[in-house]
Amino acid sequence: MSLAEIKRLARSKATLIRDDVHEMAKSGAGAALAARGIPVARNSQNNIISAFHSFGTEISTFELFDKLVADGWITALPVVVAKNTPLVLRQWKPGDALVLGRWDIQVPPAEAPEVLPDVLLVPLLAFDRRGFRLGYGGGFYDRTLEKLRGLKKVTAIGIAYAGQEMDTIPRDDFDQRLDWIMTEKETFKCG
């Protein structure tokens, strides 16, 4: 079986698991993330963070997003511009305008400033303790992390339910490693 087929099957399984975990753990999960906060400090050299709005059965990031703004971070959201390209990260905070983007996901409008974040919060279907993630298959975050890491130091934090953990994520050389994982139960450094 090819790696692509192994990943496709793993994504199908991980989606079902996340759907089940979401039903059991969604209450209070987002508040738990926000109460703990992210594992990196904001300072003059580390003050731009790209988050994401939870979609479907992803763990809620709304409370964490509000905390980041209250803590003084410059916040941004990802925008898919084309297949097989990195995401564009546009500055946005709660209350700013949003428009419908690809897959009917709300994104900042084209006139919102593009930023190069110091920290990137990353959605996922599954993760392992080494810092590898199973994404949705488009490679957007892997391309984005590769691009950003070629320009500056960037911290990547996977955001998920604890029940999304797998022993080992199928991966190849293209897959970018996460630095941290945050769940409703714990935050840990990968590796």
C-alpha atoms as a PDB file:
ATOM      1  CA  MET A   1       0.000   0.000   0.000  1.00  0.00           C
ATOM      2  CA  SER A   2       1.338   3.470  -0.895  1.00  0.00           C
ATOM      3  CA  LEU A   3       1.954   6.164   1.705  1.00  0.00           C
ATOM      4  CA  ALA A   4      -0.819   8.230   0.105  1.00  0.00           C
ATOM      5  CA  GLU A   5      -3.271   5.347   0.607  1.00  0.00           C
ATOM      6  CA  ILE A   6      -2.076   4.780   4.188  1.00  0.00           C
ATOM      7  CA  LYS A   7      -2.623   8.488   4.930  1.00  0.00           C
ATOM      8  CA  ARG A   8      -6.044   8.461   3.272  1.00  0.00           C
ATOM      9  CA  LEU A   9      -7.162   5.539   5.444  1.00  0.00           C
ATOM     10  CA  ALA A  10      -5.651   7.158   8.546  1.00  0.00           C
ATOM     11  CA  ARG A  11      -7.555  10.394   7.786  1.00  0.00           C
ATOM     12  CA  SER A  12     -10.834   8.494   7.499  1.00  0.00           C
ATOM     13  CA  LYS A  13     -10.247   6.766  10.834  1.00  0.00           C
ATOM     14  CA  ALA A  14      -9.023   9.970  12.524  1.00  0.00           C
ATOM     15  CA  THR A  15     -12.098  11.894  11.330  1.00  0.00           C
ATOM     16  CA  LEU A  16     -14.437   9.328  12.901  1.00  0.00           C
ATOM     17  CA  ILE A  17     -12.431   9.368  16.137  1.00  0.00           C
ATOM     18  CA  ARG A  18     -12.450  13.178  16.285  1.00  0.00           C
ATOM     19  CA  ASP A  19     -16.203  13.255  15.681  1.00  0.00           C
ATOM     20  CA  ASP A  20     -16.706  10.911  18.657  1.00  0.00           C
ATOM     21  CA  VAL A  21     -14.216  12.740  20.881  1.00  0.00           C
ATOM     22  CA  HIS A  22     -15.836  16.078  20.044  1.00  0.00           C
ATOM     23  CA  GLU A  23     -19.231  14.867  21.268  1.00  0.00           C
ATOM     24  CA  MET A  24     -17.710  13.669  24.565  1.00  0.00           C
ATOM     25  CA  ALA A  25     -15.184  16.441  25.262  1.00  0.00           C
ATOM     26  CA  LYS A  26     -16.448  19.650  23.609  1.00  0.00           C
ATOM     27  CA  SER A  27     -18.005  21.115  26.755  1.00  0.00           C
ATOM     28  CA  GLY A  28     -15.376  23.272  28.413  1.00  0.00           C
ATOM     29  CA  ALA A  29     -12.540  22.205  26.082  1.00  0.00           C
ATOM     30  CA  GLY A  30     -12.069  25.642  24.534  1.00  0.00           C
ATOM     31  CA  ALA A  31     -12.162  27.315  27.934  1.00  0.00           C
ATOM     32  CA  ALA A  32      -9.490  24.877  29.177  1.00  0.00           C
ATOM     33  CA  LEU A  33      -7.183  25.878  26.297  1.00  0.00           C
ATOM     34  CA  ALA A  34      -7.730  29.561  27.028  1.00  0.00           C
ATOM     35  CA  ALA A  35      -7.203  29.168  30.774  1.00  0.00           C
ATOM     36  CA  ARG A  36      -3.821  27.542  30.193  1.00  0.00           C
ATOM     37  CA  GLY A  37      -2.720  29.885  27.413  1.00  0.00           C
ATOM     38  CA  ILE A  38      -0.067  29.191  24.828  1.00  0.00           C
ATOM     39  CA  PRO A  39       3.372  27.875  25.876  1.00  0.00           C
ATOM     40  CA  VAL A  40       5.410  30.739  24.393  1.00  0.00           C
ATOM     41  CA  ALA A  41       5.818  34.262  25.705  1.00  0.00           C
ATOM     42  CA  ARG A  42       4.895  37.369  23.777  1.00  0.00           C
ATOM     43  CA  ASN A  43       7.648  39.971  23.469  1.00  0.00           C
ATOM     44  CA  SER A  44       8.823  42.572  20.951  1.00  0.00           C
ATOM     45  CA  GLN A  45      10.418  39.865  18.757  1.00  0.00           C
ATOM     46  CA  ASN A  46       7.601  37.339  19.206  1.00  0.00           C
ATOM     47  CA  ASN A  47       4.244  39.102  18.976  1.00  0.00           C
ATOM     48  CA  ILE A  48       2.339  37.961  15.861  1.00  0.00           C
ATOM     49  CA  ILE A  49       0.240  34.793  16.021  1.00  0.00           C
ATOM     50  CA  SER A  50      -1.871  33.127  13.364  1.00  0.00           C
ATOM     51  CA  ALA A  51      -4.769  31.225  14.880  1.00  0.00           C
ATOM     52  CA  PHE A  52      -7.746  29.587  13.187  1.00  0.00           C
ATOM     53  CA  HIS A  53     -11.477  29.560  13.689  1.00  0.00           C
ATOM     54  CA  SER A  54     -12.688  26.120  14.649  1.00  0.00           C
ATOM     55  CA  PHE A  55     -14.644  24.386  11.944  1.00  0.00           C
ATOM     56  CA  GLY A  56     -16.892  21.339  12.260  1.00  0.00           C
ATOM     57  CA  THR A  57     -15.699  19.047  15.044  1.00  0.00           C
ATOM     58  CA  GLU A  58     -12.371  20.829  15.675  1.00  0.00           C
ATOM     59  CA  ILE A  59     -11.752  21.797  19.304  1.00  0.00           C
ATOM     60  CA  SER A  60     -13.004  25.332  19.969  1.00  0.00           C
ATOM     61  CA  THR A  61     -10.352  28.018  19.557  1.00  0.00           C
ATOM     62  CA  PHE A  62     -12.679  30.990  20.091  1.00  0.00           C
ATOM     63  CA  GLU A  63     -11.913  31.470  23.804  1.00  0.00           C
ATOM     64  CA  LEU A  64      -8.168  31.085  23.164  1.00  0.00           C
ATOM     65  CA  PHE A  65      -8.350  33.631  20.339  1.00  0.00           C
ATOM     66  CA  ASP A  66      -9.999  36.147  22.699  1.00  0.00           C
ATOM     67  CA  LYS A  67      -7.262  35.544  25.298  1.00  0.00           C
ATOM     68  CA  LEU A  68      -4.505  36.096  22.735  1.00  0.00           C
ATOM     69  CA  VAL A  69      -6.017  39.461  21.784  1.00  0.00           C
ATOM     70  CA  ALA A  70      -6.420  40.417  25.467  1.00  0.00           C
ATOM     71  CA  ASP A  71      -2.771  39.450  26.076  1.00  0.00           C
ATOM     72  CA  GLY A  72      -1.613  41.873  23.376  1.00  0.00           C
ATOM     73  CA  TRP A  73      -0.802  39.519  20.494  1.00  0.00           C
ATOM     74  CA  ILE A  74      -1.233  40.761  16.928  1.00  0.00           C
ATOM     75  CA  THR A  75      -3.584  38.082  15.598  1.00  0.00           C
ATOM     76  CA  ALA A  76      -4.171  36.711  12.117  1.00  0.00           C
ATOM     77  CA  LEU A  77      -6.220  34.101  10.293  1.00  0.00           C
ATOM     78  CA  PRO A  78      -5.169  31.821   7.415  1.00  0.00           C
ATOM     79  CA  VAL A  79      -6.518  32.252   3.902  1.00  0.00           C
ATOM     80  CA  VAL A  80      -6.345  29.572   1.188  1.00  0.00           C
ATOM     81  CA  VAL A  81      -5.515  31.315  -2.084  1.00  0.00           C
ATOM     82  CA  ALA A  82      -4.756  28.397  -4.427  1.00  0.00           C
ATOM     83  CA  LYS A  83      -4.151  24.669  -4.456  1.00  0.00           C
ATOM     84  CA  ASN A  84      -0.552  23.560  -3.743  1.00  0.00           C
ATOM     85  CA  THR A  85       0.491  26.941  -2.302  1.00  0.00           C
ATOM     86  CA  PRO A  86       1.218  28.206   1.225  1.00  0.00           C
ATOM     87  CA  LEU A  87      -1.546  29.940   3.132  1.00  0.00           C
ATOM     88  CA  VAL A  88      -1.705  33.714   3.191  1.00  0.00           C
ATOM     89  CA  LEU A  89      -1.938  34.930   6.780  1.00  0.00           C
ATOM     90  CA  ARG A  90      -3.968  38.112   7.173  1.00  0.00           C
ATOM     91  CA  GLN A  91      -4.228  40.257  10.272  1.00  0.00           C
ATOM     92  CA  TRP A  92      -7.587  39.917  12.014  1.00  0.00           C
ATOM     93  CA  LYS A  93      -9.088  40.299  15.472  1.00  0.00           C
ATOM     94  CA  PRO A  94     -12.625  39.678  16.782  1.00  0.00           C
ATOM     95  CA  GLY A  95     -14.915  42.403  15.493  1.00  0.00           C
ATOM     96  CA  ASP A  96     -13.026  42.916  12.214  1.00  0.00           C
ATOM     97  CA  ALA A  97     -14.791  42.108   8.942  1.00  0.00           C
ATOM     98  CA  LEU A  98     -14.805  38.584   7.525  1.00  0.00           C
ATOM     99  CA  VAL A  99     -15.763  37.273   4.096  1.00  0.00           C
ATOM    100  CA  LEU A 100     -16.521  33.775   2.851  1.00  0.00           C
ATOM    101  CA  GLY A 101     -13.443  31.996   1.543  1.00  0.00           C
ATOM    102  CA  ARG A 102     -12.881  28.526   0.116  1.00  0.00           C
ATOM    103  CA  TRP A 103     -15.066  25.778   1.554  1.00  0.00           C
ATOM    104  CA  ASP A 104     -17.283  28.546   3.015  1.00  0.00           C
ATOM    105  CA  ILE A 105     -14.756  29.275   5.762  1.00  0.00           C
ATOM    106  CA  GLN A 106     -14.800  32.867   6.977  1.00  0.00           C
ATOM    107  CA  VAL A 107     -11.533  34.709   6.325  1.00  0.00           C
ATOM    108  CA  PRO A 108     -10.252  38.293   6.517  1.00  0.00           C
ATOM    109  CA  PRO A 109     -10.902  40.337   3.354  1.00  0.00           C
ATOM    110  CA  ALA A 110      -8.162  40.865   0.762  1.00  0.00           C
ATOM    111  CA  GLU A 111      -7.464  44.384   2.068  1.00  0.00           C
ATOM    112  CA  ALA A 112      -6.488  43.047   5.536  1.00  0.00           C
ATOM    113  CA  PRO A 113      -2.690  43.290   5.923  1.00  0.00           C
ATOM    114  CA  GLU A 114      -0.668  40.145   5.269  1.00  0.00           C
ATOM    115  CA  VAL A 115       1.624  39.205   8.175  1.00  0.00           C
ATOM    116  CA  LEU A 116       4.464  36.768   8.855  1.00  0.00           C
ATOM    117  CA  PRO A 117       3.595  35.237  12.226  1.00  0.00           C
ATOM    118  CA  ASP A 118       6.049  34.199  14.917  1.00  0.00           C
ATOM    119  CA  VAL A 119       3.612  31.555  16.181  1.00  0.00           C
ATOM    120  CA  LEU A 120       1.233  29.436  14.127  1.00  0.00           C
ATOM    121  CA  LEU A 121      -1.685  27.542  15.689  1.00  0.00           C
ATOM    122  CA  VAL A 122      -2.366  24.494  13.537  1.00  0.00           C
ATOM    123  CA  PRO A 123      -5.577  22.435  13.214  1.00  0.00           C
ATOM    124  CA  LEU A 124      -5.320  18.683  12.719  1.00  0.00           C
ATOM    125  CA  LEU A 125      -7.095  15.336  12.556  1.00  0.00           C
ATOM    126  CA  ALA A 126      -4.531  13.412  14.629  1.00  0.00           C
ATOM    127  CA  PHE A 127      -1.105  13.906  16.217  1.00  0.00           C
ATOM    128  CA  ASP A 128       1.706  11.945  17.827  1.00  0.00           C
ATOM    129  CA  ARG A 129       4.099  12.873  20.633  1.00  0.00           C
ATOM    130  CA  ARG A 130       6.972  13.396  18.191  1.00  0.00           C
ATOM    131  CA  GLY A 131       5.110  16.399  16.752  1.00  0.00           C
ATOM    132  CA  PHE A 132       3.779  14.967  13.540  1.00  0.00           C
ATOM    133  CA  ARG A 133       0.212  15.676  12.526  1.00  0.00           C
ATOM    134  CA  LEU A 134      -2.306  14.255  10.171  1.00  0.00           C
ATOM    135  CA  GLY A 135      -3.931  17.156   8.377  1.00  0.00           C
ATOM    136  CA  TYR A 136      -6.710  17.286   5.842  1.00  0.00           C
ATOM    137  CA  GLY A 137      -4.546  16.314   2.885  1.00  0.00           C
ATOM    138  CA  GLY A 138      -4.080  19.642   1.099  1.00  0.00           C
ATOM    139  CA  GLY A 139      -0.591  20.293   2.470  1.00  0.00           C
ATOM    140  CA  PHE A 140      -1.395  23.947   3.160  1.00  0.00           C
ATOM    141  CA  TYR A 141       0.085  24.067   6.656  1.00  0.00           C
ATOM    142  CA  ASP A 142       3.149  22.041   5.667  1.00  0.00           C
ATOM    143  CA  ARG A 143       3.858  24.460   2.793  1.00  0.00           C
ATOM    144  CA  THR A 144       3.204  27.444   5.042  1.00  0.00           C
ATOM    145  CA  LEU A 145       5.501  26.208   7.794  1.00  0.00           C
ATOM    146  CA  GLU A 146       8.231  25.355   5.293  1.00  0.00           C
ATOM    147  CA  LYS A 147       8.007  28.858   3.799  1.00  0.00           C
ATOM    148  CA  LEU A 148       7.923  30.662   7.163  1.00  0.00           C
ATOM    149  CA  ARG A 149      10.740  28.568   8.648  1.00  0.00           C
ATOM    150  CA  GLY A 150      12.855  29.533   5.649  1.00  0.00           C
ATOM    151  CA  LEU A 151      12.356  33.194   6.567  1.00  0.00           C
ATOM    152  CA  LYS A 152      12.420  33.288  10.376  1.00  0.00           C
ATOM    153  CA  LYS A 153      12.039  31.339  13.600  1.00  0.00           C
ATOM    154  CA  VAL A 154       8.436  30.161  13.881  1.00  0.00           C
ATOM    155  CA  THR A 155       6.787  28.112  16.628  1.00  0.00           C
ATOM    156  CA  ALA A 156       4.079  25.695  15.441  1.00  0.00           C
ATOM    157  CA  ILE A 157       1.466  24.602  17.990  1.00  0.00           C
ATOM    158  CA  GLY A 158      -1.014  21.850  17.146  1.00  0.00           C
ATOM    159  CA  ILE A 159      -4.463  22.352  18.686  1.00  0.00           C
ATOM    160  CA  ALA A 160      -6.581  19.236  19.268  1.00  0.00           C
ATOM    161  CA  TYR A 161      -8.546  17.091  21.668  1.00  0.00           C
ATOM    162  CA  ALA A 162      -6.429  14.701  23.743  1.00  0.00           C
ATOM    163  CA  GLY A 163      -8.386  11.814  22.207  1.00  0.00           C
ATOM    164  CA  GLN A 164      -6.926  12.628  18.776  1.00  0.00           C
ATOM    165  CA  GLU A 165      -3.503  11.299  19.765  1.00  0.00           C
ATOM    166  CA  MET A 166      -2.102   8.350  17.805  1.00  0.00           C
ATOM    167  CA  ASP A 167       1.007   6.300  18.562  1.00  0.00           C
ATOM    168  CA  THR A 168       2.570   7.131  15.199  1.00  0.00           C
ATOM    169  CA  ILE A 169       1.470   9.377  12.359  1.00  0.00           C
ATOM    170  CA  PRO A 170       2.281   8.162   8.836  1.00  0.00           C
ATOM    171  CA  ARG A 171       4.567  10.793   7.321  1.00  0.00           C
ATOM    172  CA  ASP A 172       7.048  11.632   4.604  1.00  0.00           C
ATOM    173  CA  ASP A 173       9.853  14.170   4.192  1.00  0.00           C
ATOM    174  CA  PHE A 174       7.384  16.914   3.190  1.00  0.00           C
ATOM    175  CA  ASP A 175       5.541  16.822   6.542  1.00  0.00           C
ATOM    176  CA  GLN A 176       6.509  19.628   8.927  1.00  0.00           C
ATOM    177  CA  ARG A 177       6.939  18.850  12.619  1.00  0.00           C
ATOM    178  CA  LEU A 178       5.026  20.739  15.298  1.00  0.00           C
ATOM    179  CA  ASP A 179       6.901  22.227  18.264  1.00  0.00           C
ATOM    180  CA  TRP A 180       4.069  21.911  20.796  1.00  0.00           C
ATOM    181  CA  ILE A 181       0.672  20.251  21.160  1.00  0.00           C
ATOM    182  CA  MET A 182      -2.168  21.798  23.169  1.00  0.00           C
ATOM    183  CA  THR A 183      -5.206  19.778  24.162  1.00  0.00           C
ATOM    184  CA  GLU A 184      -7.980  20.350  26.674  1.00  0.00           C
ATOM    185  CA  LYS A 185      -5.966  18.204  29.123  1.00  0.00           C
ATOM    186  CA  GLU A 186      -2.324  19.179  28.617  1.00  0.00           C
ATOM    187  CA  THR A 187       0.286  21.150  26.739  1.00  0.00           C
ATOM    188  CA  PHE A 188       3.529  19.406  25.840  1.00  0.00           C
ATOM    189  CA  LYS A 189       6.704  20.027  23.855  1.00  0.00           C
ATOM    190  CA  CYS A 190       7.066  17.594  20.983  1.00  0.00           C
ATOM    191  CA  GLY A 191      10.078  15.419  20.303  1.00  0.00           C
END
